[in-house]
Every structure is written in C-alpha cells, then in structure tokens.
Amino acid sequence: MPDNKKVFTRKASNDVLTSETVLDLIDRKDESVWVMNHIFINPDQHDEHEISLLMDEVMEFIKDSNKKIWPLDPIAIIYFEQHPELTKYWYHKPANK
C-alpha cells in the first residue's frame, strides 16, 4: 500500500466485513492532511459500537502520524462533533461546529 493511503478494516469473527474506511494523504497549501471520504458500516452485521471501534483505530493512527484528519463523511463528522476532545485533530472544522 502506498504511504499516502491507509485502509482500516474491521471484520466479525466469521470474517465478514463489519466496517471500513480509507484515508488519503493530501497536500494542502498549509499542511498535509489525511482525508476521510467515506465510512462503510455493514447494515447486517456489526457491533453496536462499530463506529467507535473503527474511529479508535483511525485516531490512534492520526495521533501517531502527527497530522490532522479532514472528515468528509457525515458519519465521521457527527462522530467528531460528539467527541470535542478530538477537535485539535480535526482539519477544516466547519466554523459553526
């Protein structure tokens, strides 16, 4: 996998995909950031806390990368809104948020 792409995949014990997201590293004028375009949550098989489990993995990576994340997916944006402790990692946070 190239250094500018990171895939996070969660699977159930039966090896069925439960959630996934892909981050792409892009260069902006002010800094390089990880862009989260989408989150997939399997509607038929996932843990009730699937988004938290997936985002825990993502945020561990973000913190280690010393870069910010630019969430574009509505699920991710809601997650960031509900977790103000992550604001310092949120690139391009909407002004009204």
PDB file of N, CA and C in Angstrom:
ATOM      1  N   MET A   1       0.847  -1.184   0.000  1.00  0.00           N
ATOM      2  CA  MET A   1       0.000   0.000   0.000  1.00  0.00           C
ATOM      3  C   MET A   1       0.886   1.239   0.000  1.00  0.00           C
ATOM      4  N   PRO A   2       0.565   2.222  -0.806  1.00  0.00           N
ATOM      5  CA  PRO A   2       1.379   3.446  -0.835  1.00  0.00           C
ATOM      6  C   PRO A   2       1.339   4.180   0.510  1.00  0.00           C
ATOM      7  N   ASP A   3       2.342   5.005   0.748  1.00  0.00           N
ATOM      8  CA  ASP A   3       2.427   5.757   2.001  1.00  0.00           C
ATOM      9  C   ASP A   3       1.351   6.825   2.122  1.00  0.00           C
ATOM     10  N   ASN A   4       0.684   7.140   1.032  1.00  0.00           N
ATOM     11  CA  ASN A   4      -0.331   8.189   1.065  1.00  0.00           C
ATOM     12  C   ASN A   4      -1.759   7.634   1.164  1.00  0.00           C
ATOM     13  N   LYS A   5      -1.881   6.367   1.523  1.00  0.00           N
ATOM     14  CA  LYS A   5      -3.199   5.733   1.668  1.00  0.00           C
ATOM     15  C   LYS A   5      -3.149   4.776   2.857  1.00  0.00           C
ATOM     16  N   LYS A   6      -4.214   4.786   3.649  1.00  0.00           N
ATOM     17  CA  LYS A   6      -4.313   3.892   4.801  1.00  0.00           C
ATOM     18  C   LYS A   6      -5.741   3.356   4.860  1.00  0.00           C
ATOM     19  N   VAL A   7      -5.875   2.028   4.935  1.00  0.00           N
ATOM     20  CA  VAL A   7      -7.180   1.378   4.986  1.00  0.00           C
ATOM     21  C   VAL A   7      -7.378   0.792   6.378  1.00  0.00           C
ATOM     22  N   PHE A   8      -8.544   1.041   6.946  1.00  0.00           N
ATOM     23  CA  PHE A   8      -8.922   0.476   8.237  1.00  0.00           C
ATOM     24  C   PHE A   8     -10.117  -0.431   8.008  1.00  0.00           C
ATOM     25  N   THR A   9      -9.950  -1.710   8.326  1.00  0.00           N
ATOM     26  CA  THR A   9     -10.992  -2.701   8.090  1.00  0.00           C
ATOM     27  C   THR A   9     -11.257  -3.473   9.371  1.00  0.00           C
ATOM     28  N   ARG A  10     -12.521  -3.618   9.694  1.00  0.00           N
ATOM     29  CA  ARG A  10     -12.926  -4.433  10.838  1.00  0.00           C
ATOM     30  C   ARG A  10     -13.777  -5.582  10.319  1.00  0.00           C
ATOM     31  N   LYS A  11     -13.538  -6.760  10.890  1.00  0.00           N
ATOM     32  CA  LYS A  11     -14.306  -7.938  10.489  1.00  0.00           C
ATOM     33  C   LYS A  11     -14.812  -8.662  11.727  1.00  0.00           C
ATOM     34  N   ALA A  12     -15.934  -9.333  11.553  1.00  0.00           N
ATOM     35  CA  ALA A  12     -16.501 -10.160  12.615  1.00  0.00           C
ATOM     36  C   ALA A  12     -15.698 -11.459  12.712  1.00  0.00           C
ATOM     37  N   SER A  13     -15.978 -12.224  13.750  1.00  0.00           N
ATOM     38  CA  SER A  13     -15.249 -13.485  13.946  1.00  0.00           C
ATOM     39  C   SER A  13     -15.453 -14.460  12.792  1.00  0.00           C
ATOM     40  N   ASN A  14     -16.535 -14.311  12.030  1.00  0.00           N
ATOM     41  CA  ASN A  14     -16.785 -15.169  10.870  1.00  0.00           C
ATOM     42  C   ASN A  14     -16.166 -14.595   9.586  1.00  0.00           C
ATOM     43  N   ASP A  15     -15.290 -13.594   9.743  1.00  0.00           N
ATOM     44  CA  ASP A  15     -14.544 -12.964   8.663  1.00  0.00           C
ATOM     45  C   ASP A  15     -15.415 -12.104   7.724  1.00  0.00           C
ATOM     46  N   VAL A  16     -16.587 -11.719   8.175  1.00  0.00           N
ATOM     47  CA  VAL A  16     -17.456 -10.841   7.401  1.00  0.00           C
ATOM     48  C   VAL A  16     -17.090  -9.394   7.726  1.00  0.00           C
ATOM     49  N   LEU A  17     -16.976  -8.583   6.688  1.00  0.00           N
ATOM     50  CA  LEU A  17     -16.649  -7.172   6.856  1.00  0.00           C
ATOM     51  C   LEU A  17     -17.743  -6.482   7.666  1.00  0.00           C
ATOM     52  N   THR A  18     -17.335  -5.781   8.738  1.00  0.00           N
ATOM     53  CA  THR A  18     -18.305  -5.045   9.555  1.00  0.00           C
ATOM     54  C   THR A  18     -18.194  -3.541   9.325  1.00  0.00           C
ATOM     55  N   SER A  19     -16.975  -3.047   9.071  1.00  0.00           N
ATOM     56  CA  SER A  19     -16.804  -1.620   8.776  1.00  0.00           C
ATOM     57  C   SER A  19     -15.466  -1.399   8.086  1.00  0.00           C
ATOM     58  N   GLU A  20     -15.386  -0.263   7.393  1.00  0.00           N
ATOM     59  CA  GLU A  20     -14.145   0.067   6.692  1.00  0.00           C
ATOM     60  C   GLU A  20     -14.119   1.555   6.379  1.00  0.00           C
ATOM     61  N   THR A  21     -12.934   2.111   6.399  1.00  0.00           N
ATOM     62  CA  THR A  21     -12.723   3.467   5.918  1.00  0.00           C
ATOM     63  C   THR A  21     -11.332   3.548   5.303  1.00  0.00           C
ATOM     64  N   VAL A  22     -11.167   4.483   4.390  1.00  0.00           N
ATOM     65  CA  VAL A  22      -9.890   4.698   3.714  1.00  0.00           C
ATOM     66  C   VAL A  22      -9.479   6.149   3.935  1.00  0.00           C
ATOM     67  N   LEU A  23      -8.233   6.358   4.303  1.00  0.00           N
ATOM     68  CA  LEU A  23      -7.688   7.707   4.442  1.00  0.00           C
ATOM     69  C   LEU A  23      -6.688   7.934   3.316  1.00  0.00           C
ATOM     70  N   ASP A  24      -6.743   9.118   2.732  1.00  0.00           N
ATOM     71  CA  ASP A  24      -5.794   9.515   1.696  1.00  0.00           C
ATOM     72  C   ASP A  24      -5.033  10.736   2.192  1.00  0.00           C
ATOM     73  N   LEU A  25      -3.716  10.690   2.088  1.00  0.00           N
ATOM     74  CA  LEU A  25      -2.879  11.827   2.479  1.00  0.00           C
ATOM     75  C   LEU A  25      -2.793  12.793   1.309  1.00  0.00           C
ATOM     76  N   ILE A  26      -3.199  14.040   1.559  1.00  0.00           N
ATOM     77  CA  ILE A  26      -3.137  15.053   0.515  1.00  0.00           C
ATOM     78  C   ILE A  26      -2.356  16.257   1.028  1.00  0.00           C
ATOM     79  N   ASP A  27      -1.762  16.972   0.100  1.00  0.00           N
ATOM     80  CA  ASP A  27      -1.032  18.192   0.443  1.00  0.00           C
ATOM     81  C   ASP A  27      -1.936  19.390   0.199  1.00  0.00           C
ATOM     82  N   ARG A  28      -2.184  20.141   1.270  1.00  0.00           N
ATOM     83  CA  ARG A  28      -2.911  21.393   1.187  1.00  0.00           C
ATOM     84  C   ARG A  28      -1.884  22.521   1.202  1.00  0.00           C
ATOM     85  N   LYS A  29      -2.295  23.748   0.970  1.00  0.00           N
ATOM     86  CA  LYS A  29      -1.347  24.874   0.981  1.00  0.00           C
ATOM     87  C   LYS A  29      -0.687  25.033   2.340  1.00  0.00           C
ATOM     88  N   ASP A  30      -1.435  24.750   3.409  1.00  0.00           N
ATOM     89  CA  ASP A  30      -0.915  24.982   4.753  1.00  0.00           C
ATOM     90  C   ASP A  30      -0.281  23.758   5.404  1.00  0.00           C
ATOM     91  N   GLU A  31      -0.687  22.543   5.004  1.00  0.00           N
ATOM     92  CA  GLU A  31      -0.125  21.324   5.593  1.00  0.00           C
ATOM     93  C   GLU A  31      -0.635  20.092   4.858  1.00  0.00           C
ATOM     94  N   SER A  32      -0.044  18.955   5.144  1.00  0.00           N
ATOM     95  CA  SER A  32      -0.524  17.674   4.627  1.00  0.00           C
ATOM     96  C   SER A  32      -1.532  17.115   5.627  1.00  0.00           C
ATOM     97  N   VAL A  33      -2.644  16.593   5.124  1.00  0.00           N
ATOM     98  CA  VAL A  33      -3.698  16.072   5.988  1.00  0.00           C
ATOM     99  C   VAL A  33      -4.233  14.755   5.443  1.00  0.00           C
ATOM    100  N   TRP A  34      -4.788  13.964   6.347  1.00  0.00           N
ATOM    101  CA  TRP A  34      -5.459  12.727   5.973  1.00  0.00           C
ATOM    102  C   TRP A  34      -6.923  13.038   5.707  1.00  0.00           C
ATOM    103  N   VAL A  35      -7.432  12.661   4.542  1.00  0.00           N
ATOM    104  CA  VAL A  35      -8.830  12.878   4.176  1.00  0.00           C
ATOM    105  C   VAL A  35      -9.592  11.567   4.341  1.00  0.00           C
ATOM    106  N   MET A  36     -10.716  11.656   5.048  1.00  0.00           N
ATOM    107  CA  MET A  36     -11.610  10.508   5.216  1.00  0.00           C
ATOM    108  C   MET A  36     -12.858  10.790   4.384  1.00  0.00           C
ATOM    109  N   ASN A  37     -12.931  10.164   3.198  1.00  0.00           N
ATOM    110  CA  ASN A  37     -14.041  10.411   2.293  1.00  0.00           C
ATOM    111  C   ASN A  37     -15.315   9.658   2.664  1.00  0.00           C
ATOM    112  N   HIS A  38     -15.158   8.461   3.187  1.00  0.00           N
ATOM    113  CA  HIS A  38     -16.338   7.645   3.482  1.00  0.00           C
ATOM    114  C   HIS A  38     -16.063   6.666   4.610  1.00  0.00           C
ATOM    115  N   ILE A  39     -17.145   6.238   5.230  1.00  0.00           N
ATOM    116  CA  ILE A  39     -17.110   5.139   6.197  1.00  0.00           C
ATOM    117  C   ILE A  39     -18.183   4.157   5.748  1.00  0.00           C
ATOM    118  N   PHE A  40     -17.818   2.890   5.699  1.00  0.00           N
ATOM    119  CA  PHE A  40     -18.793   1.837   5.404  1.00  0.00           C
ATOM    120  C   PHE A  40     -19.088   1.094   6.698  1.00  0.00           C
ATOM    121  N   ILE A  41     -20.363   0.972   7.036  1.00  0.00           N
ATOM    122  CA  ILE A  41     -20.814   0.158   8.163  1.00  0.00           C
ATOM    123  C   ILE A  41     -21.764  -0.888   7.591  1.00  0.00           C
ATOM    124  N   ASN A  42     -21.437  -2.157   7.798  1.00  0.00           N
ATOM    125  CA  ASN A  42     -22.274  -3.239   7.296  1.00  0.00           C
ATOM    126  C   ASN A  42     -23.623  -3.193   8.017  1.00  0.00           C
ATOM    127  N   PRO A  43     -24.713  -2.969   7.293  1.00  0.00           N
ATOM    128  CA  PRO A  43     -26.014  -2.841   7.959  1.00  0.00           C
ATOM    129  C   PRO A  43     -26.522  -4.150   8.551  1.00  0.00           C
ATOM    130  N   ASP A  44     -25.993  -5.272   8.069  1.00  0.00           N
ATOM    131  CA  ASP A  44     -26.485  -6.573   8.518  1.00  0.00           C
ATOM    132  C   ASP A  44     -25.667  -7.195   9.641  1.00  0.00           C
ATOM    133  N   GLN A  45     -24.419  -6.765   9.770  1.00  0.00           N
ATOM    134  CA  GLN A  45     -23.581  -7.407  10.781  1.00  0.00           C
ATOM    135  C   GLN A  45     -22.512  -6.434  11.272  1.00  0.00           C
ATOM    136  N   HIS A  46     -22.737  -5.882  12.444  1.00  0.00           N
ATOM    137  CA  HIS A  46     -21.733  -5.030  13.068  1.00  0.00           C
ATOM    138  C   HIS A  46     -22.028  -4.912  14.561  1.00  0.00           C
ATOM    139  N   ASP A  47     -20.997  -4.572  15.304  1.00  0.00           N
ATOM    140  CA  ASP A  47     -21.113  -4.336  16.735  1.00  0.00           C
ATOM    141  C   ASP A  47     -21.921  -3.059  16.943  1.00  0.00           C
ATOM    142  N   GLU A  48     -22.665  -2.966  18.037  1.00  0.00           N
ATOM    143  CA  GLU A  48     -23.471  -1.761  18.274  1.00  0.00           C
ATOM    144  C   GLU A  48     -22.610  -0.515  18.441  1.00  0.00           C
ATOM    145  N   HIS A  49     -21.343  -0.707  18.756  1.00  0.00           N
ATOM    146  CA  HIS A  49     -20.414   0.414  18.908  1.00  0.00           C
ATOM    147  C   HIS A  49     -19.398   0.458  17.761  1.00  0.00           C
ATOM    148  N   GLU A  50     -19.780  -0.018  16.621  1.00  0.00           N
ATOM    149  CA  GLU A  50     -18.865  -0.174  15.482  1.00  0.00           C
ATOM    150  C   GLU A  50     -18.139   1.115  15.125  1.00  0.00           C
ATOM    151  N   ILE A  51     -18.860   2.219  15.070  1.00  0.00           N
ATOM    152  CA  ILE A  51     -18.212   3.474  14.685  1.00  0.00           C
ATOM    153  C   ILE A  51     -17.133   3.853  15.693  1.00  0.00           C
ATOM    154  N   SER A  52     -17.387   3.664  16.966  1.00  0.00           N
ATOM    155  CA  SER A  52     -16.376   3.980  17.989  1.00  0.00           C
ATOM    156  C   SER A  52     -15.170   3.065  17.867  1.00  0.00           C
ATOM    157  N   LEU A  53     -15.410   1.797  17.614  1.00  0.00           N
ATOM    158  CA  LEU A  53     -14.306   0.849  17.469  1.00  0.00           C
ATOM    159  C   LEU A  53     -13.439   1.203  16.263  1.00  0.00           C
ATOM    160  N   LEU A  54     -14.086   1.528  15.158  1.00  0.00           N
ATOM    161  CA  LEU A  54     -13.355   1.907  13.956  1.00  0.00           C
ATOM    162  C   LEU A  54     -12.607   3.220  14.167  1.00  0.00           C
ATOM    163  N   MET A  55     -13.283   4.215  14.732  1.00  0.00           N
ATOM    164  CA  MET A  55     -12.655   5.526  14.927  1.00  0.00           C
ATOM    165  C   MET A  55     -11.535   5.483  15.959  1.00  0.00           C
ATOM    166  N   ASP A  56     -11.598   4.589  16.923  1.00  0.00           N
ATOM    167  CA  ASP A  56     -10.483   4.427  17.868  1.00  0.00           C
ATOM    168  C   ASP A  56      -9.209   4.040  17.113  1.00  0.00           C
ATOM    169  N   GLU A  57      -9.346   3.123  16.168  1.00  0.00           N
ATOM    170  CA  GLU A  57      -8.192   2.700  15.360  1.00  0.00           C
ATOM    171  C   GLU A  57      -7.686   3.848  14.487  1.00  0.00           C
ATOM    172  N   VAL A  58      -8.623   4.545  13.858  1.00  0.00           N
ATOM    173  CA  VAL A  58      -8.259   5.672  12.999  1.00  0.00           C
ATOM    174  C   VAL A  58      -7.535   6.745  13.802  1.00  0.00           C
ATOM    175  N   MET A  59      -8.077   7.103  14.951  1.00  0.00           N
ATOM    176  CA  MET A  59      -7.497   8.197  15.733  1.00  0.00           C
ATOM    177  C   MET A  59      -6.145   7.826  16.337  1.00  0.00           C
ATOM    178  N   GLU A  60      -5.941   6.580  16.650  1.00  0.00           N
ATOM    179  CA  GLU A  60      -4.620   6.149  17.108  1.00  0.00           C
ATOM    180  C   GLU A  60      -3.593   6.381  15.999  1.00  0.00           C
ATOM    181  N   PHE A  61      -3.972   6.040  14.777  1.00  0.00           N
ATOM    182  CA  PHE A  61      -3.099   6.267  13.629  1.00  0.00           C
ATOM    183  C   PHE A  61      -2.858   7.763  13.417  1.00  0.00           C
ATOM    184  N   ILE A  62      -3.911   8.565  13.476  1.00  0.00           N
ATOM    185  CA  ILE A  62      -3.803  10.018  13.257  1.00  0.00           C
ATOM    186  C   ILE A  62      -2.855  10.631  14.283  1.00  0.00           C
ATOM    187  N   LYS A  63      -3.024  10.283  15.526  1.00  0.00           N
ATOM    188  CA  LYS A  63      -2.169  10.830  16.583  1.00  0.00           C
ATOM    189  C   LYS A  63      -0.709  10.453  16.347  1.00  0.00           C
ATOM    190  N   ASP A  64      -0.465   9.216  15.949  1.00  0.00           N
ATOM    191  CA  ASP A  64       0.908   8.759  15.677  1.00  0.00           C
ATOM    192  C   ASP A  64       1.497   9.421  14.434  1.00  0.00           C
ATOM    193  N   SER A  65       0.647   9.813  13.496  1.00  0.00           N
ATOM    194  CA  SER A  65       1.129  10.406  12.242  1.00  0.00           C
ATOM    195  C   SER A  65       1.510  11.881  12.389  1.00  0.00           C
ATOM    196  N   ASN A  66       1.063  12.503  13.478  1.00  0.00           N
ATOM    197  CA  ASN A  66       1.294  13.938  13.702  1.00  0.00           C
ATOM    198  C   ASN A  66       0.693  14.793  12.593  1.00  0.00           C
ATOM    199  N   LYS A  67      -0.405  14.314  12.033  1.00  0.00           N
ATOM    200  CA  LYS A  67      -1.137  15.067  11.014  1.00  0.00           C
ATOM    201  C   LYS A  67      -2.594  15.155  11.452  1.00  0.00           C
ATOM    202  N   LYS A  68      -3.318  16.064  10.836  1.00  0.00           N
ATOM    203  CA  LYS A  68      -4.742  16.198  11.124  1.00  0.00           C
ATOM    204  C   LYS A  68      -5.548  15.354  10.160  1.00  0.00           C
ATOM    205  N   ILE A  69      -6.822  15.200  10.493  1.00  0.00           N
ATOM    206  CA  ILE A  69      -7.736  14.447   9.648  1.00  0.00           C
ATOM    207  C   ILE A  69      -8.858  15.381   9.180  1.00  0.00           C
ATOM    208  N   TRP A  70      -9.230  15.234   7.917  1.00  0.00           N
ATOM    209  CA  TRP A  70     -10.295  16.036   7.326  1.00  0.00           C
ATOM    210  C   TRP A  70     -11.454  15.093   7.017  1.00  0.00           C
ATOM    211  N   PRO A  71     -12.394  14.946   7.954  1.00  0.00           N
ATOM    212  CA  PRO A  71     -13.517  14.042   7.713  1.00  0.00           C
ATOM    213  C   PRO A  71     -14.533  14.679   6.769  1.00  0.00           C
ATOM    214  N   LEU A  72     -14.889  13.970   5.724  1.00  0.00           N
ATOM    215  CA  LEU A  72     -15.888  14.443   4.773  1.00  0.00           C
ATOM    216  C   LEU A  72     -17.169  13.619   4.854  1.00  0.00           C
ATOM    217  N   ASP A  73     -17.072  12.433   5.401  1.00  0.00           N
ATOM    218  CA  ASP A  73     -18.222  11.561   5.553  1.00  0.00           C
ATOM    219  C   ASP A  73     -19.120  12.077   6.681  1.00  0.00           C
ATOM    220  N   PRO A  74     -20.436  12.147   6.474  1.00  0.00           N
ATOM    221  CA  PRO A  74     -21.335  12.646   7.520  1.00  0.00           C
ATOM    222  C   PRO A  74     -21.253  11.871   8.835  1.00  0.00           C
ATOM    223  N   ILE A  75     -21.053  10.552   8.767  1.00  0.00           N
ATOM    224  CA  ILE A  75     -20.927   9.756   9.990  1.00  0.00           C
ATOM    225  C   ILE A  75     -19.699  10.202  10.774  1.00  0.00           C
ATOM    226  N   ALA A  76     -18.590  10.422  10.080  1.00  0.00           N
ATOM    227  CA  ALA A  76     -17.361  10.861  10.744  1.00  0.00           C
ATOM    228  C   ALA A  76     -17.516  12.259  11.327  1.00  0.00           C
ATOM    229  N   ILE A  77     -18.183  13.142  10.612  1.00  0.00           N
ATOM    230  CA  ILE A  77     -18.390  14.500  11.106  1.00  0.00           C
ATOM    231  C   ILE A  77     -19.214  14.473  12.392  1.00  0.00           C
ATOM    232  N   ILE A  78     -20.259  13.678  12.419  1.00  0.00           N
ATOM    233  CA  ILE A  78     -21.075  13.543  13.631  1.00  0.00           C
ATOM    234  C   ILE A  78     -20.231  12.990  14.772  1.00  0.00           C
ATOM    235  N   TYR A  79     -19.385  12.011  14.470  1.00  0.00           N
ATOM    236  CA  TYR A  79     -18.514  11.441  15.494  1.00  0.00           C
ATOM    237  C   TYR A  79     -17.613  12.534  16.086  1.00  0.00           C
ATOM    238  N   PHE A  80     -17.005  13.346  15.247  1.00  0.00           N
ATOM    239  CA  PHE A  80     -16.139  14.425  15.729  1.00  0.00           C
ATOM    240  C   PHE A  80     -16.926  15.452  16.539  1.00  0.00           C
ATOM    241  N   GLU A  81     -18.140  15.750  16.114  1.00  0.00           N
ATOM    242  CA  GLU A  81     -18.983  16.684  16.866  1.00  0.00           C
ATOM    243  C   GLU A  81     -19.296  16.152  18.263  1.00  0.00           C
ATOM    244  N   GLN A  82     -19.438  14.843  18.377  1.00  0.00           N
ATOM    245  CA  GLN A  82     -19.761  14.212  19.658  1.00  0.00           C
ATOM    246  C   GLN A  82     -18.527  13.980  20.531  1.00  0.00           C
ATOM    247  N   HIS A  83     -17.337  14.215  19.985  1.00  0.00           N
ATOM    248  CA  HIS A  83     -16.088  13.991  20.715  1.00  0.00           C
ATOM    249  C   HIS A  83     -15.208  15.242  20.644  1.00  0.00           C
ATOM    250  N   PRO A  84     -15.550  16.273  21.422  1.00  0.00           N
ATOM    251  CA  PRO A  84     -14.805  17.533  21.370  1.00  0.00           C
ATOM    252  C   PRO A  84     -13.326  17.387  21.744  1.00  0.00           C
ATOM    253  N   GLU A  85     -12.961  16.323  22.425  1.00  0.00           N
ATOM    254  CA  GLU A  85     -11.548  16.095  22.754  1.00  0.00           C
ATOM    255  C   GLU A  85     -10.705  15.842  21.503  1.00  0.00           C
ATOM    256  N   LEU A  86     -11.347  15.607  20.374  1.00  0.00           N
ATOM    257  CA  LEU A  86     -10.632  15.358  19.113  1.00  0.00           C
ATOM    258  C   LEU A  86     -10.510  16.605  18.238  1.00  0.00           C
ATOM    259  N   THR A  87     -11.035  17.719  18.704  1.00  0.00           N
ATOM    260  CA  THR A  87     -11.054  18.950  17.905  1.00  0.00           C
ATOM    261  C   THR A  87      -9.674  19.329  17.382  1.00  0.00           C
ATOM    262  N   LYS A  88      -8.628  19.153  18.171  1.00  0.00           N
ATOM    263  CA  LYS A  88      -7.290  19.562  17.731  1.00  0.00           C
ATOM    264  C   LYS A  88      -6.777  18.736  16.549  1.00  0.00           C
ATOM    265  N   TYR A  89      -7.414  17.597  16.269  1.00  0.00           N
ATOM    266  CA  TYR A  89      -7.014  16.757  15.133  1.00  0.00           C
ATOM    267  C   TYR A  89      -7.893  16.987  13.904  1.00  0.00           C
ATOM    268  N   TRP A  90      -8.973  17.771  14.070  1.00  0.00           N
ATOM    269  CA  TRP A  90      -9.973  17.977  13.021  1.00  0.00           C
ATOM    270  C   TRP A  90      -9.536  19.125  12.116  1.00  0.00           C
ATOM    271  N   TYR A  91      -9.073  18.772  10.929  1.00  0.00           N
ATOM    272  CA  TYR A  91      -8.678  19.773   9.936  1.00  0.00           C
ATOM    273  C   TYR A  91      -9.928  20.319   9.260  1.00  0.00           C
ATOM    274  N   HIS A  92      -9.945  21.612   9.051  1.00  0.00           N
ATOM    275  CA  HIS A  92     -11.012  22.277   8.306  1.00  0.00           C
ATOM    276  C   HIS A  92     -12.368  22.098   8.981  1.00  0.00           C
ATOM    277  N   LYS A  93     -12.348  22.163  10.310  1.00  0.00           N
ATOM    278  CA  LYS A  93     -13.596  22.064  11.070  1.00  0.00           C
ATOM    279  C   LYS A  93     -14.525  23.209  10.660  1.00  0.00           C
ATOM    280  N   PRO A  94     -15.784  22.905  10.358  1.00  0.00           N
ATOM    281  CA  PRO A  94     -16.719  23.975   9.989  1.00  0.00           C
ATOM    282  C   PRO A  94     -16.811  25.017  11.098  1.00  0.00           C
ATOM    283  N   ALA A  95     -16.899  26.275  10.724  1.00  0.00           N
ATOM    284  CA  ALA A  95     -16.905  27.384  11.685  1.00  0.00           C
ATOM    285  C   ALA A  95     -18.069  27.313  12.653  1.00  0.00           C
ATOM    286  N   ASN A  96     -19.191  26.764  12.206  1.00  0.00           N
ATOM    287  CA  ASN A  96     -20.364  26.717  13.077  1.00  0.00           C
ATOM    288  C   ASN A  96     -20.401  25.467  13.938  1.00  0.00           C
ATOM    289  N   LYS A  97     -19.352  24.698  13.962  1.00  0.00           N
ATOM    290  CA  LYS A  97     -19.324  23.444  14.743  1.00  0.00           C
ATOM    291  C   LYS A  97     -18.564  23.613  16.032  1.00  0.00           C
TER     292      LYS A  97
END
